């Protein structure tokens, strides 16, 4: 979503032509992804360190937490796209 927002902003203010704007958006999204990945790894390490039980149970807890987080983020992104970005122009704003 950061890369899409960057692309929209760069093209809206005509800062760069489309190909350069796409490259800037990709780089911006990549940097944000890297930072978030590093924090996600730290959170996973924290979970693994504080999980109880045998090793297979700790692995299952970490995998379940990862899947739940990815699922929730996917749903959130879907809702943002459907309600904000891809909303037809003739519909009123959602209240």
PDB file of N, CA and C in Angstrom:
ATOM      1  N   UNK A   1       0.816  -1.182   0.000  1.00  0.00           N
ATOM      2  CA  UNK A   1       0.000   0.000   0.000  1.00  0.00           C
ATOM      3  C   UNK A   1       0.864   1.252   0.000  1.00  0.00           C
ATOM      4  N   UNK A   2       2.041   1.156   0.595  1.00  0.00           N
ATOM      5  CA  UNK A   2       2.941   2.307   0.607  1.00  0.00           C
ATOM      6  C   UNK A   2       3.410   2.611  -0.808  1.00  0.00           C
ATOM      7  N   UNK A   3       3.716   1.571  -1.566  1.00  0.00           N
ATOM      8  CA  UNK A   3       4.172   1.810  -2.939  1.00  0.00           C
ATOM      9  C   UNK A   3       3.059   2.425  -3.795  1.00  0.00           C
ATOM     10  N   UNK A   4       1.815   1.951  -3.604  1.00  0.00           N
ATOM     11  CA  UNK A   4       0.706   2.530  -4.349  1.00  0.00           C
ATOM     12  C   UNK A   4       0.499   3.994  -3.976  1.00  0.00           C
ATOM     13  N   UNK A   5       0.568   4.299  -2.688  1.00  0.00           N
ATOM     14  CA  UNK A   5       0.402   5.680  -2.235  1.00  0.00           C
ATOM     15  C   UNK A   5       1.519   6.565  -2.785  1.00  0.00           C
ATOM     16  N   UNK A   6       2.738   6.050  -2.812  1.00  0.00           N
ATOM     17  CA  UNK A   6       3.864   6.811  -3.358  1.00  0.00           C
ATOM     18  C   UNK A   6       3.653   7.081  -4.837  1.00  0.00           C
ATOM     19  N   UNK A   7       3.234   6.063  -5.566  1.00  0.00           N
ATOM     20  CA  UNK A   7       3.012   6.238  -7.001  1.00  0.00           C
ATOM     21  C   UNK A   7       1.923   7.272  -7.265  1.00  0.00           C
ATOM     22  N   UNK A   8       0.828   7.166  -6.531  1.00  0.00           N
ATOM     23  CA  UNK A   8      -0.263   8.134  -6.709  1.00  0.00           C
ATOM     24  C   UNK A   8       0.214   9.552  -6.409  1.00  0.00           C
ATOM     25  N   UNK A   9       0.948   9.713  -5.312  1.00  0.00           N
ATOM     26  CA  UNK A   9       1.429  11.048  -4.933  1.00  0.00           C
ATOM     27  C   UNK A   9       2.403  11.602  -5.968  1.00  0.00           C
ATOM     28  N   UNK A  10       3.343  10.780  -6.413  1.00  0.00           N
ATOM     29  CA  UNK A  10       4.345  11.245  -7.378  1.00  0.00           C
ATOM     30  C   UNK A  10       3.691  11.633  -8.698  1.00  0.00           C
ATOM     31  N   UNK A  11       2.715  10.840  -9.131  1.00  0.00           N
ATOM     32  CA  UNK A  11       2.048  11.159 -10.394  1.00  0.00           C
ATOM     33  C   UNK A  11       1.071  12.319 -10.245  1.00  0.00           C
ATOM     34  N   UNK A  12       0.427  12.424  -9.085  1.00  0.00           N
ATOM     35  CA  UNK A  12      -0.554  13.496  -8.879  1.00  0.00           C
ATOM     36  C   UNK A  12       0.098  14.869  -8.894  1.00  0.00           C
ATOM     37  N   UNK A  13       1.281  14.988  -8.310  1.00  0.00           N
ATOM     38  CA  UNK A  13       1.948  16.294  -8.292  1.00  0.00           C
ATOM     39  C   UNK A  13       2.928  16.446  -9.458  1.00  0.00           C
ATOM     40  N   UNK A  14       2.941  15.456 -10.333  1.00  0.00           N
ATOM     41  CA  UNK A  14       3.785  15.475 -11.536  1.00  0.00           C
ATOM     42  C   UNK A  14       5.254  15.689 -11.208  1.00  0.00           C
ATOM     43  N   UNK A  15       5.677  15.008 -10.156  1.00  0.00           N
ATOM     44  CA  UNK A  15       7.077  15.107  -9.747  1.00  0.00           C
ATOM     45  C   UNK A  15       7.985  14.328 -10.691  1.00  0.00           C
ATOM     46  N   UNK A  16       7.509  13.160 -11.141  1.00  0.00           N
ATOM     47  CA  UNK A  16       8.292  12.298 -12.022  1.00  0.00           C
ATOM     48  C   UNK A  16       7.385  11.750 -13.120  1.00  0.00           C
ATOM     49  N   UNK A  17       7.973  11.359 -14.252  1.00  0.00           N
ATOM     50  CA  UNK A  17       7.168  10.654 -15.248  1.00  0.00           C
ATOM     51  C   UNK A  17       6.803   9.259 -14.735  1.00  0.00           C
ATOM     52  N   UNK A  18       5.850   8.615 -15.384  1.00  0.00           N
ATOM     53  CA  UNK A  18       5.318   7.337 -14.898  1.00  0.00           C
ATOM     54  C   UNK A  18       6.384   6.262 -14.653  1.00  0.00           C
ATOM     55  N   UNK A  19       7.329   6.015 -15.587  1.00  0.00           N
ATOM     56  CA  UNK A  19       8.319   4.966 -15.316  1.00  0.00           C
ATOM     57  C   UNK A  19       9.189   5.266 -14.092  1.00  0.00           C
ATOM     58  N   UNK A  20       9.628   6.508 -13.958  1.00  0.00           N
ATOM     59  CA  UNK A  20      10.447   6.881 -12.796  1.00  0.00           C
ATOM     60  C   UNK A  20       9.607   6.851 -11.519  1.00  0.00           C
ATOM     61  N   UNK A  21       8.334   7.244 -11.629  1.00  0.00           N
ATOM     62  CA  UNK A  21       7.445   7.176 -10.469  1.00  0.00           C
ATOM     63  C   UNK A  21       7.239   5.748 -10.009  1.00  0.00           C
ATOM     64  N   UNK A  22       7.117   4.827 -10.957  1.00  0.00           N
ATOM     65  CA  UNK A  22       6.973   3.411 -10.611  1.00  0.00           C
ATOM     66  C   UNK A  22       8.232   2.897  -9.913  1.00  0.00           C
ATOM     67  N   UNK A  23       9.399   3.328 -10.381  1.00  0.00           N
ATOM     68  CA  UNK A  23      10.641   2.910  -9.729  1.00  0.00           C
ATOM     69  C   UNK A  23      10.727   3.489  -8.321  1.00  0.00           C
ATOM     70  N   UNK A  24      10.350   4.744  -8.147  1.00  0.00           N
ATOM     71  CA  UNK A  24      10.371   5.362  -6.821  1.00  0.00           C
ATOM     72  C   UNK A  24       9.393   4.661  -5.890  1.00  0.00           C
ATOM     73  N   UNK A  25       8.222   4.301  -6.411  1.00  0.00           N
ATOM     74  CA  UNK A  25       7.224   3.610  -5.595  1.00  0.00           C
ATOM     75  C   UNK A  25       7.731   2.238  -5.168  1.00  0.00           C
ATOM     76  N   UNK A  26       8.383   1.524  -6.088  1.00  0.00           N
ATOM     77  CA  UNK A  26       8.923   0.208  -5.760  1.00  0.00           C
ATOM     78  C   UNK A  26      10.007   0.314  -4.692  1.00  0.00           C
ATOM     79  N   UNK A  27      10.880   1.295  -4.828  1.00  0.00           N
ATOM     80  CA  UNK A  27      11.954   1.479  -3.832  1.00  0.00           C
ATOM     81  C   UNK A  27      11.384   1.849  -2.469  1.00  0.00           C
ATOM     82  N   UNK A  28      10.402   2.739  -2.445  1.00  0.00           N
ATOM     83  CA  UNK A  28       9.782   3.142  -1.184  1.00  0.00           C
ATOM     84  C   UNK A  28       9.097   1.956  -0.517  1.00  0.00           C
ATOM     85  N   UNK A  29       8.330   1.199  -1.299  1.00  0.00           N
ATOM     86  CA  UNK A  29       7.664   0.017  -0.751  1.00  0.00           C
ATOM     87  C   UNK A  29       8.659  -1.011  -0.250  1.00  0.00           C
ATOM     88  N   UNK A  30       9.769  -1.163  -0.965  1.00  0.00           N
ATOM     89  CA  UNK A  30      10.803  -2.115  -0.539  1.00  0.00           C
ATOM     90  C   UNK A  30      11.449  -1.729   0.782  1.00  0.00           C
ATOM     91  N   UNK A  31      11.695  -0.434   0.970  1.00  0.00           N
ATOM     92  CA  UNK A  31      12.298   0.018   2.230  1.00  0.00           C
ATOM     93  C   UNK A  31      11.343  -0.219   3.411  1.00  0.00           C
ATOM     94  N   UNK A  32      10.076   0.120   3.205  1.00  0.00           N
ATOM     95  CA  UNK A  32       9.087  -0.091   4.269  1.00  0.00           C
ATOM     96  C   UNK A  32       8.944  -1.578   4.553  1.00  0.00           C
ATOM     97  N   UNK A  33       8.923  -2.396   3.506  1.00  0.00           N
ATOM     98  CA  UNK A  33       8.823  -3.844   3.682  1.00  0.00           C
ATOM     99  C   UNK A  33      10.003  -4.384   4.481  1.00  0.00           C
ATOM    100  N   UNK A  34      11.194  -3.878   4.199  1.00  0.00           N
ATOM    101  CA  UNK A  34      12.378  -4.329   4.935  1.00  0.00           C
ATOM    102  C   UNK A  34      12.262  -4.002   6.425  1.00  0.00           C
ATOM    103  N   UNK A  35      11.873  -2.778   6.732  1.00  0.00           N
ATOM    104  CA  UNK A  35      11.742  -2.370   8.136  1.00  0.00           C
ATOM    105  C   UNK A  35      10.681  -3.216   8.843  1.00  0.00           C
ATOM    106  N   UNK A  36       9.533  -3.410   8.183  1.00  0.00           N
ATOM    107  CA  UNK A  36       8.476  -4.209   8.798  1.00  0.00           C
ATOM    108  C   UNK A  36       8.885  -5.670   8.952  1.00  0.00           C
ATOM    109  N   UNK A  37       9.635  -6.196   7.990  1.00  0.00           N
ATOM    110  CA  UNK A  37      10.112  -7.574   8.096  1.00  0.00           C
ATOM    111  C   UNK A  37      11.043  -7.732   9.282  1.00  0.00           C
ATOM    112  N   UNK A  38      11.903  -6.760   9.495  1.00  0.00           N
ATOM    113  CA  UNK A  38      12.832  -6.834  10.640  1.00  0.00           C
ATOM    114  C   UNK A  38      12.059  -6.811  11.954  1.00  0.00           C
ATOM    115  N   UNK A  39      11.032  -5.972  12.046  1.00  0.00           N
ATOM    116  CA  UNK A  39      10.257  -5.931  13.290  1.00  0.00           C
ATOM    117  C   UNK A  39       9.430  -7.202  13.443  1.00  0.00           C
ATOM    118  N   UNK A  40       8.962  -7.777  12.330  1.00  0.00           N
ATOM    119  CA  UNK A  40       8.204  -9.019  12.393  1.00  0.00           C
ATOM    120  C   UNK A  40       9.107 -10.156  12.882  1.00  0.00           C
ATOM    121  N   UNK A  41      10.352 -10.184  12.423  1.00  0.00           N
ATOM    122  CA  UNK A  41      11.284 -11.214  12.879  1.00  0.00           C
ATOM    123  C   UNK A  41      11.514 -11.077  14.373  1.00  0.00           C
ATOM    124  N   UNK A  42      11.651  -9.850  14.861  1.00  0.00           N
ATOM    125  CA  UNK A  42      11.828  -9.635  16.297  1.00  0.00           C
ATOM    126  C   UNK A  42      10.611 -10.114  17.076  1.00  0.00           C
ATOM    127  N   UNK A  43       9.420  -9.849  16.559  1.00  0.00           N
ATOM    128  CA  UNK A  43       8.194 -10.295  17.241  1.00  0.00           C
ATOM    129  C   UNK A  43       8.095 -11.806  17.239  1.00  0.00           C
ATOM    130  N   UNK A  44       8.486 -12.448  16.139  1.00  0.00           N
ATOM    131  CA  UNK A  44       8.455 -13.907  16.064  1.00  0.00           C
ATOM    132  C   UNK A  44       9.465 -14.506  17.033  1.00  0.00           C
ATOM    133  N   UNK A  45      10.652 -13.904  17.112  1.00  0.00           N
ATOM    134  CA  UNK A  45      11.653 -14.374  18.077  1.00  0.00           C
ATOM    135  C   UNK A  45      11.126 -14.245  19.502  1.00  0.00           C
ATOM    136  N   UNK A  46      10.461 -13.129  19.806  1.00  0.00           N
ATOM    137  CA  UNK A  46       9.882 -12.930  21.130  1.00  0.00           C
ATOM    138  C   UNK A  46       8.861 -14.015  21.434  1.00  0.00           C
ATOM    139  N   UNK A  47       8.006 -14.293  20.473  1.00  0.00           N
ATOM    140  CA  UNK A  47       6.981 -15.327  20.656  1.00  0.00           C
ATOM    141  C   UNK A  47       7.626 -16.692  20.871  1.00  0.00           C
ATOM    142  N   UNK A  48       8.619 -17.010  20.056  1.00  0.00           N
ATOM    143  CA  UNK A  48       9.283 -18.308  20.191  1.00  0.00           C
ATOM    144  C   UNK A  48       9.995 -18.434  21.529  1.00  0.00           C
ATOM    145  N   UNK A  49      10.581 -17.344  22.011  1.00  0.00           N
ATOM    146  CA  UNK A  49      11.291 -17.387  23.292  1.00  0.00           C
ATOM    147  C   UNK A  49      10.345 -17.545  24.471  1.00  0.00           C
ATOM    148  N   UNK A  50       9.115 -17.020  24.350  1.00  0.00           N
ATOM    149  CA  UNK A  50       8.191 -17.039  25.483  1.00  0.00           C
ATOM    150  C   UNK A  50       7.107 -18.096  25.374  1.00  0.00           C
ATOM    151  N   UNK A  51       7.134 -18.882  24.317  1.00  0.00           N
ATOM    152  CA  UNK A  51       6.157 -19.971  24.185  1.00  0.00           C
ATOM    153  C   UNK A  51       6.564 -21.115  25.099  1.00  0.00           C
ATOM    154  N   UNK A  52       5.580 -21.805  25.607  1.00  0.00           N
ATOM    155  CA  UNK A  52       5.876 -22.917  26.509  1.00  0.00           C
ATOM    156  C   UNK A  52       5.586 -24.232  25.809  1.00  0.00           C
ATOM    157  N   UNK A  53       6.115 -25.287  26.366  1.00  0.00           N
ATOM    158  CA  UNK A  53       5.854 -26.613  25.828  1.00  0.00           C
ATOM    159  C   UNK A  53       7.015 -27.123  25.001  1.00  0.00           C
ATOM    160  N   UNK A  54       6.839 -28.302  24.444  1.00  0.00           N
ATOM    161  CA  UNK A  54       7.910 -28.876  23.620  1.00  0.00           C
ATOM    162  C   UNK A  54       8.099 -28.096  22.325  1.00  0.00           C
ATOM    163  N   UNK A  55       9.204 -28.359  21.675  1.00  0.00           N
ATOM    164  CA  UNK A  55       9.561 -27.617  20.457  1.00  0.00           C
ATOM    165  C   UNK A  55       8.464 -27.648  19.392  1.00  0.00           C
ATOM    166  N   UNK A  56       7.871 -28.797  19.070  1.00  0.00           N
ATOM    167  CA  UNK A  56       6.812 -28.784  18.050  1.00  0.00           C
ATOM    168  C   UNK A  56       5.635 -27.869  18.412  1.00  0.00           C
ATOM    169  N   UNK A  57       5.301 -27.797  19.692  1.00  0.00           N
ATOM    170  CA  UNK A  57       4.201 -26.913  20.106  1.00  0.00           C
ATOM    171  C   UNK A  57       4.593 -25.452  19.933  1.00  0.00           C
ATOM    172  N   UNK A  58       5.832 -25.106  20.226  1.00  0.00           N
ATOM    173  CA  UNK A  58       6.289 -23.727  20.048  1.00  0.00           C
ATOM    174  C   UNK A  58       6.291 -23.351  18.568  1.00  0.00           C
ATOM    175  N   UNK A  59       6.724 -24.287  17.724  1.00  0.00           N
ATOM    176  CA  UNK A  59       6.711 -24.036  16.284  1.00  0.00           C
ATOM    177  C   UNK A  59       5.277 -23.829  15.812  1.00  0.00           C
ATOM    178  N   UNK A  60       4.359 -24.659  16.281  1.00  0.00           N
ATOM    179  CA  UNK A  60       2.951 -24.523  15.889  1.00  0.00           C
ATOM    180  C   UNK A  60       2.389 -23.182  16.343  1.00  0.00           C
ATOM    181  N   UNK A  61       2.750 -22.715  17.536  1.00  0.00           N
ATOM    182  CA  UNK A  61       2.284 -21.413  18.019  1.00  0.00           C
ATOM    183  C   UNK A  61       2.814 -20.283  17.135  1.00  0.00           C
ATOM    184  N   UNK A  62       4.081 -20.358  16.765  1.00  0.00           N
ATOM    185  CA  UNK A  62       4.671 -19.312  15.918  1.00  0.00           C
ATOM    186  C   UNK A  62       4.021 -19.309  14.533  1.00  0.00           C
ATOM    187  N   UNK A  63       3.787 -20.478  13.967  1.00  0.00           N
ATOM    188  CA  UNK A  63       3.156 -20.567  12.649  1.00  0.00           C
ATOM    189  C   UNK A  63       1.717 -20.045  12.717  1.00  0.00           C
ATOM    190  N   UNK A  64       0.987 -20.416  13.763  1.00  0.00           N
ATOM    191  CA  UNK A  64      -0.393 -19.944  13.916  1.00  0.00           C
ATOM    192  C   UNK A  64      -0.437 -18.427  14.053  1.00  0.00           C
ATOM    193  N   UNK A  65       0.483 -17.858  14.819  1.00  0.00           N
ATOM    194  CA  UNK A  65       0.528 -16.401  14.980  1.00  0.00           C
ATOM    195  C   UNK A  65       0.841 -15.725  13.648  1.00  0.00           C
ATOM    196  N   UNK A  66       1.751 -16.298  12.890  1.00  0.00           N
ATOM    197  CA  UNK A  66       2.108 -15.736  11.583  1.00  0.00           C
ATOM    198  C   UNK A  66       0.914 -15.783  10.635  1.00  0.00           C
ATOM    199  N   UNK A  67       0.251 -16.926  10.555  1.00  0.00           N
ATOM    200  CA  UNK A  67      -0.900 -17.057   9.665  1.00  0.00           C
ATOM    201  C   UNK A  67      -2.038 -16.129  10.080  1.00  0.00           C
ATOM    202  N   UNK A  68      -2.286 -16.024  11.384  1.00  0.00           N
ATOM    203  CA  UNK A  68      -3.355 -15.145  11.856  1.00  0.00           C
ATOM    204  C   UNK A  68      -3.048 -13.684  11.525  1.00  0.00           C
ATOM    205  N   UNK A  69      -1.814 -13.271  11.741  1.00  0.00           N
ATOM    206  CA  UNK A  69      -1.424 -11.893  11.442  1.00  0.00           C
ATOM    207  C   UNK A  69      -1.517 -11.606   9.951  1.00  0.00           C
ATOM    208  N   UNK A  70      -0.991 -12.502   9.135  1.00  0.00           N
ATOM    209  CA  UNK A  70      -1.058 -12.305   7.684  1.00  0.00           C
ATOM    210  C   UNK A  70      -2.504 -12.281   7.206  1.00  0.00           C
ATOM    211  N   UNK A  71      -3.338 -13.145   7.772  1.00  0.00           N
ATOM    212  CA  UNK A  71      -4.748 -13.162   7.402  1.00  0.00           C
ATOM    213  C   UNK A  71      -5.459 -11.873   7.766  1.00  0.00           C
ATOM    214  N   UNK A  72      -5.216 -11.379   8.965  1.00  0.00           N
ATOM    215  CA  UNK A  72      -5.845 -10.127   9.383  1.00  0.00           C
ATOM    216  C   UNK A  72      -5.375  -8.948   8.535  1.00  0.00           C
ATOM    217  N   UNK A  73      -4.095  -8.906   8.221  1.00  0.00           N
ATOM    218  CA  UNK A  73      -3.587  -7.829   7.377  1.00  0.00           C
ATOM    219  C   UNK A  73      -4.139  -7.921   5.959  1.00  0.00           C
ATOM    220  N   UNK A  74      -4.312  -9.141   5.446  1.00  0.00           N
ATOM    221  CA  UNK A  74      -4.885  -9.308   4.122  1.00  0.00           C
ATOM    222  C   UNK A  74      -6.329  -8.803   4.099  1.00  0.00           C
ATOM    223  N   UNK A  75      -7.090  -9.138   5.119  1.00  0.00           N
ATOM    224  CA  UNK A  75      -8.481  -8.672   5.205  1.00  0.00           C
ATOM    225  C   UNK A  75      -8.529  -7.145   5.294  1.00  0.00           C
ATOM    226  N   UNK A  76      -7.649  -6.564   6.098  1.00  0.00           N
ATOM    227  CA  UNK A  76      -7.613  -5.108   6.225  1.00  0.00           C
ATOM    228  C   UNK A  76      -7.281  -4.455   4.880  1.00  0.00           C
ATOM    229  N   UNK A  77      -6.303  -4.993   4.172  1.00  0.00           N
ATOM    230  CA  UNK A  77      -5.932  -4.444   2.865  1.00  0.00           C
ATOM    231  C   UNK A  77      -7.091  -4.593   1.881  1.00  0.00           C
ATOM    232  N   UNK A  78      -7.763  -5.736   1.895  1.00  0.00           N
ATOM    233  CA  UNK A  78      -8.916  -5.962   1.020  1.00  0.00           C
ATOM    234  C   UNK A  78      -9.997  -4.920   1.280  1.00  0.00           C
ATOM    235  N   UNK A  79     -10.298  -4.672   2.563  1.00  0.00           N
ATOM    236  CA  UNK A  79     -11.336  -3.699   2.898  1.00  0.00           C
ATOM    237  C   UNK A  79     -10.961  -2.289   2.453  1.00  0.00           C
ATOM    238  N   UNK A  80      -9.700  -1.919   2.641  1.00  0.00           N
ATOM    239  CA  UNK A  80      -9.256  -0.595   2.199  1.00  0.00           C
ATOM    240  C   UNK A  80      -9.400  -0.472   0.689  1.00  0.00           C
ATOM    241  N   UNK A  81      -8.969  -1.488  -0.034  1.00  0.00           N
ATOM    242  CA  UNK A  81      -9.098  -1.437  -1.488  1.00  0.00           C
ATOM    243  C   UNK A  81     -10.560  -1.355  -1.915  1.00  0.00           C
ATOM    244  N   UNK A  82     -11.418  -2.192  -1.337  1.00  0.00           N
ATOM    245  CA  UNK A  82     -12.814  -2.242  -1.755  1.00  0.00           C
ATOM    246  C   UNK A  82     -13.595  -0.990  -1.364  1.00  0.00           C
ATOM    247  N   UNK A  83     -13.341  -0.455  -0.185  1.00  0.00           N
ATOM    248  CA  UNK A  83     -14.146   0.655   0.316  1.00  0.00           C
ATOM    249  C   UNK A  83     -13.584   2.031  -0.028  1.00  0.00           C
ATOM    250  N   UNK A  84     -12.283   2.100  -0.306  1.00  0.00           N
ATOM    251  CA  UNK A  84     -11.671   3.409  -0.554  1.00  0.00           C
ATOM    252  C   UNK A  84     -11.138   3.523  -1.983  1.00  0.00           C
ATOM    253  N   UNK A  85     -10.306   2.600  -2.370  1.00  0.00           N
ATOM    254  CA  UNK A  85      -9.611   2.747  -3.644  1.00  0.00           C
ATOM    255  C   UNK A  85     -10.483   2.336  -4.830  1.00  0.00           C
ATOM    256  N   UNK A  86     -11.167   1.208  -4.735  1.00  0.00           N
ATOM    257  CA  UNK A  86     -11.926   0.683  -5.864  1.00  0.00           C
ATOM    258  C   UNK A  86     -13.416   0.993  -5.794  1.00  0.00           C
ATOM    259  N   UNK A  87     -13.805   1.874  -4.920  1.00  0.00           N
ATOM    260  CA  UNK A  87     -15.214   2.229  -4.762  1.00  0.00           C
ATOM    261  C   UNK A  87     -15.689   2.961  -6.009  1.00  0.00           C
ATOM    262  N   UNK A  88     -16.809   2.509  -6.596  1.00  0.00           N
ATOM    263  CA  UNK A  88     -17.325   3.229  -7.774  1.00  0.00           C
ATOM    264  C   UNK A  88     -17.636   4.686  -7.431  1.00  0.00           C
ATOM    265  N   UNK A  89     -17.454   5.556  -8.403  1.00  0.00           N
ATOM    266  CA  UNK A  89     -17.612   6.997  -8.166  1.00  0.00           C
ATOM    267  C   UNK A  89     -19.045   7.392  -7.870  1.00  0.00           C
ATOM    268  N   UNK A  90     -20.042   6.604  -8.296  1.00  0.00           N
ATOM    269  CA  UNK A  90     -21.428   6.988  -8.095  1.00  0.00           C
ATOM    270  C   UNK A  90     -21.990   6.564  -6.744  1.00  0.00           C
ATOM    271  N   UNK A  91     -21.200   5.878  -5.924  1.00  0.00           N
ATOM    272  CA  UNK A  91     -21.658   5.486  -4.594  1.00  0.00           C
ATOM    273  C   UNK A  91     -21.291   6.544  -3.560  1.00  0.00           C
ATOM    274  N   UNK A  92     -22.154   6.750  -2.568  1.00  0.00           N
ATOM    275  CA  UNK A  92     -21.793   7.712  -1.504  1.00  0.00           C
ATOM    276  C   UNK A  92     -20.674   7.165  -0.636  1.00  0.00           C
ATOM    277  N   UNK A  93     -19.993   8.074   0.047  1.00  0.00           N
ATOM    278  CA  UNK A  93     -18.940   7.664   0.972  1.00  0.00           C
ATOM    279  C   UNK A  93     -19.533   6.778   2.052  1.00  0.00           C
ATOM    280  N   UNK A  94     -18.802   5.682   2.442  1.00  0.00           N
ATOM    281  CA  UNK A  94     -19.308   4.853   3.536  1.00  0.00           C
ATOM    282  C   UNK A  94     -19.304   5.624   4.853  1.00  0.00           C
ATOM    283  N   UNK A  95     -20.323   5.470   5.631  1.00  0.00           N
ATOM    284  CA  UNK A  95     -20.429   6.219   6.887  1.00  0.00           C
ATOM    285  C   UNK A  95     -19.785   5.483   8.019  1.00  0.00           C
TER     286      UNK A  95
END
